[in-house]
Amino acid sequence: MIEFGEPLRGNRIPDLTPMIDVIFLLLIFFMLTSIYSKPVIPLDLPDGASAVKEEREGIDVGIDPDGRIFVNGDPVLIDEFEIYVARLLADEPGQPVRLMSDASNRFGLVISVMDKLRLQGAANISIVTDGATLDEK
């Protein structure tokens, strides 16, 4: 008969390598599949009691407190703004344009941007507000 040695006694530590591999694979999976948010321009929007939430595709034009203009999150110089918007409107004419301006901006700058949008054929321009009424403030 075959004789086997005595079984090992004492602390046996399980091999953690496969578990560490699985943890790293899960970490990589969740890092690659998570949804990254778009960069957002910090704006203090003016109040509007009659605001309606709109979830359609279109062009987002933002004016930050320093007067810089952003189109769909991309910074655009005021001189290049008309050309940039004309290209976007040429792809899909009639698409809505949402204008977001900080409450502290000069009114003249907002009107200038609206005029340039209309000159390029934007007919559906909405001004975005935060939806709060004066009573809520």
Protein backbone atom coordinates (compact mmCIF):
# COMPACT_ATOMS: atom_id res chain seq x y z
CA MET A 1 0.00 0.00 0.00
CA ILE A 2 1.13 3.54 -0.72
CA GLU A 3 2.04 5.59 2.26
CA PHE A 4 1.21 9.25 2.22
CA GLY A 5 3.03 11.73 4.39
CA GLU A 6 1.33 13.38 7.30
CA PRO A 7 -1.00 16.22 6.33
CA LEU A 8 0.42 19.68 6.82
CA ARG A 9 -0.87 21.36 9.90
CA GLY A 10 -0.92 25.03 10.70
CA ASN A 11 -2.15 28.17 8.97
CA ARG A 12 -2.74 27.73 5.30
CA ILE A 13 -3.16 31.06 3.50
CA PRO A 14 -5.27 30.87 0.34
CA ASP A 15 -3.78 32.25 -2.86
CA LEU A 16 -5.19 35.77 -3.36
CA THR A 17 -3.84 36.29 -6.87
CA PRO A 18 -7.03 35.20 -8.71
CA MET A 19 -9.21 37.39 -6.48
CA ILE A 20 -6.95 40.41 -7.07
CA ASP A 21 -7.12 39.75 -10.83
CA VAL A 22 -10.92 39.71 -10.73
CA ILE A 23 -11.01 42.93 -8.69
CA PHE A 24 -8.75 44.71 -11.18
CA LEU A 25 -10.85 43.47 -14.10
CA LEU A 26 -14.00 44.78 -12.43
CA LEU A 27 -12.31 48.10 -11.71
CA ILE A 28 -11.23 48.46 -15.34
CA PHE A 29 -14.70 47.44 -16.57
CA PHE A 30 -16.48 50.07 -14.47
CA MET A 31 -13.95 52.76 -15.35
CA LEU A 32 -14.45 52.15 -19.06
CA THR A 33 -18.23 51.81 -18.99
CA SER A 34 -19.07 54.69 -16.69
CA ILE A 35 -20.70 57.71 -18.26
CA TYR A 36 -18.62 60.85 -18.21
CA SER A 37 -20.50 64.11 -17.86
CA LYS A 38 -19.96 66.95 -20.29
CA PRO A 39 -18.10 69.96 -18.96
CA VAL A 40 -20.56 72.56 -17.77
CA ILE A 41 -20.19 76.31 -17.86
CA PRO A 42 -21.02 77.75 -14.41
CA LEU A 43 -23.84 80.23 -15.02
CA ASP A 44 -26.22 81.99 -12.65
CA LEU A 45 -29.34 81.93 -14.84
CA PRO A 46 -32.00 84.63 -14.46
CA ASP A 47 -35.38 83.74 -12.97
CA GLY A 48 -38.42 82.98 -15.08
CA ALA A 49 -41.86 82.03 -13.76
CA SER A 50 -43.13 80.81 -17.13
CA ALA A 51 -40.15 78.56 -17.84
CA VAL A 52 -40.85 75.29 -19.65
CA LYS A 53 -38.39 72.40 -19.53
CA GLU A 54 -37.27 71.43 -23.03
CA GLU A 55 -35.30 68.26 -23.82
CA ARG A 56 -34.70 68.52 -27.57
CA GLU A 57 -31.50 68.44 -29.56
CA GLY A 58 -30.21 71.76 -30.78
CA ILE A 59 -27.51 74.35 -30.34
CA ASP A 60 -26.61 75.54 -26.84
CA VAL A 61 -25.10 79.05 -26.72
CA GLY A 62 -23.75 80.17 -23.36
CA ILE A 63 -22.32 83.49 -22.21
CA ASP A 64 -20.34 83.26 -18.98
CA PRO A 65 -19.95 86.09 -16.43
CA ASP A 66 -16.75 87.28 -18.15
CA GLY A 67 -18.55 87.68 -21.50
CA ARG A 68 -16.97 84.64 -23.16
CA ILE A 69 -19.20 82.79 -25.61
CA PHE A 70 -19.56 79.00 -25.71
CA VAL A 71 -21.35 77.01 -28.40
CA ASN A 72 -22.25 73.46 -27.34
CA GLY A 73 -19.57 73.76 -24.64
CA ASP A 74 -16.80 74.90 -27.01
CA PRO A 75 -15.34 78.40 -26.48
CA VAL A 76 -15.83 80.61 -29.54
CA LEU A 77 -14.48 84.12 -30.16
CA ILE A 78 -17.10 86.77 -30.89
CA ASP A 79 -15.52 87.35 -34.32
CA GLU A 80 -15.84 83.66 -35.25
CA PHE A 81 -19.28 83.19 -33.68
CA GLU A 82 -21.35 83.88 -36.82
CA ILE A 83 -19.28 81.50 -38.98
CA TYR A 84 -19.40 78.77 -36.33
CA VAL A 85 -23.18 79.03 -35.91
CA ALA A 86 -23.73 79.25 -39.68
CA ARG A 87 -21.92 75.90 -40.08
CA LEU A 88 -24.07 74.29 -37.40
CA LEU A 89 -27.30 75.67 -38.84
CA ALA A 90 -26.32 74.59 -42.36
CA ASP A 91 -26.17 70.98 -41.18
CA GLU A 92 -29.71 71.08 -39.80
CA PRO A 93 -31.68 74.26 -40.51
CA GLY A 94 -34.52 75.05 -38.13
CA GLN A 95 -32.97 73.38 -35.10
CA PRO A 96 -33.67 75.10 -31.79
CA VAL A 97 -31.08 77.41 -30.25
CA ARG A 98 -30.97 77.70 -26.45
CA LEU A 99 -29.34 80.92 -25.22
CA MET A 100 -27.97 80.78 -21.66
CA SER A 101 -26.52 83.95 -20.21
CA ASP A 102 -25.32 84.70 -16.71
CA ALA A 103 -27.67 87.05 -14.88
CA SER A 104 -24.82 89.52 -14.35
CA ASN A 105 -24.07 89.94 -18.08
CA ARG A 106 -24.69 93.15 -19.95
CA PHE A 107 -27.98 93.12 -21.83
CA GLY A 108 -26.26 94.54 -24.93
CA LEU A 109 -24.02 91.48 -25.24
CA VAL A 110 -27.02 89.14 -25.11
CA ILE A 111 -28.85 91.18 -27.77
CA SER A 112 -25.73 91.21 -29.95
CA VAL A 113 -25.48 87.41 -29.75
CA MET A 114 -29.21 87.07 -30.53
CA ASP A 115 -28.85 89.37 -33.56
CA LYS A 116 -25.94 87.32 -34.89
CA LEU A 117 -27.98 84.14 -34.43
CA ARG A 118 -30.93 85.60 -36.35
CA LEU A 119 -28.65 86.86 -39.14
CA GLN A 120 -27.45 83.28 -39.63
CA GLY A 121 -31.01 81.97 -39.94
CA ALA A 122 -31.80 80.82 -36.41
CA ALA A 123 -35.55 81.27 -36.04
CA ASN A 124 -36.20 79.14 -32.94
CA ILE A 125 -34.23 80.91 -30.18
CA SER A 126 -35.09 80.21 -26.54
CA ILE A 127 -33.69 82.00 -23.52
CA VAL A 128 -32.94 79.54 -20.71
CA THR A 129 -33.87 80.46 -17.14
CA ASP A 130 -33.69 78.52 -13.90
CA GLY A 131 -37.48 78.32 -13.52
CA ALA A 132 -37.74 79.92 -10.06
CA THR A 133 -40.44 82.50 -9.48
CA LEU A 134 -39.95 85.75 -7.62
CA ASP A 135 -42.11 84.40 -4.75
CA GLU A 136 -39.70 81.48 -4.22
CA LYS A 137 -36.71 83.78 -3.75
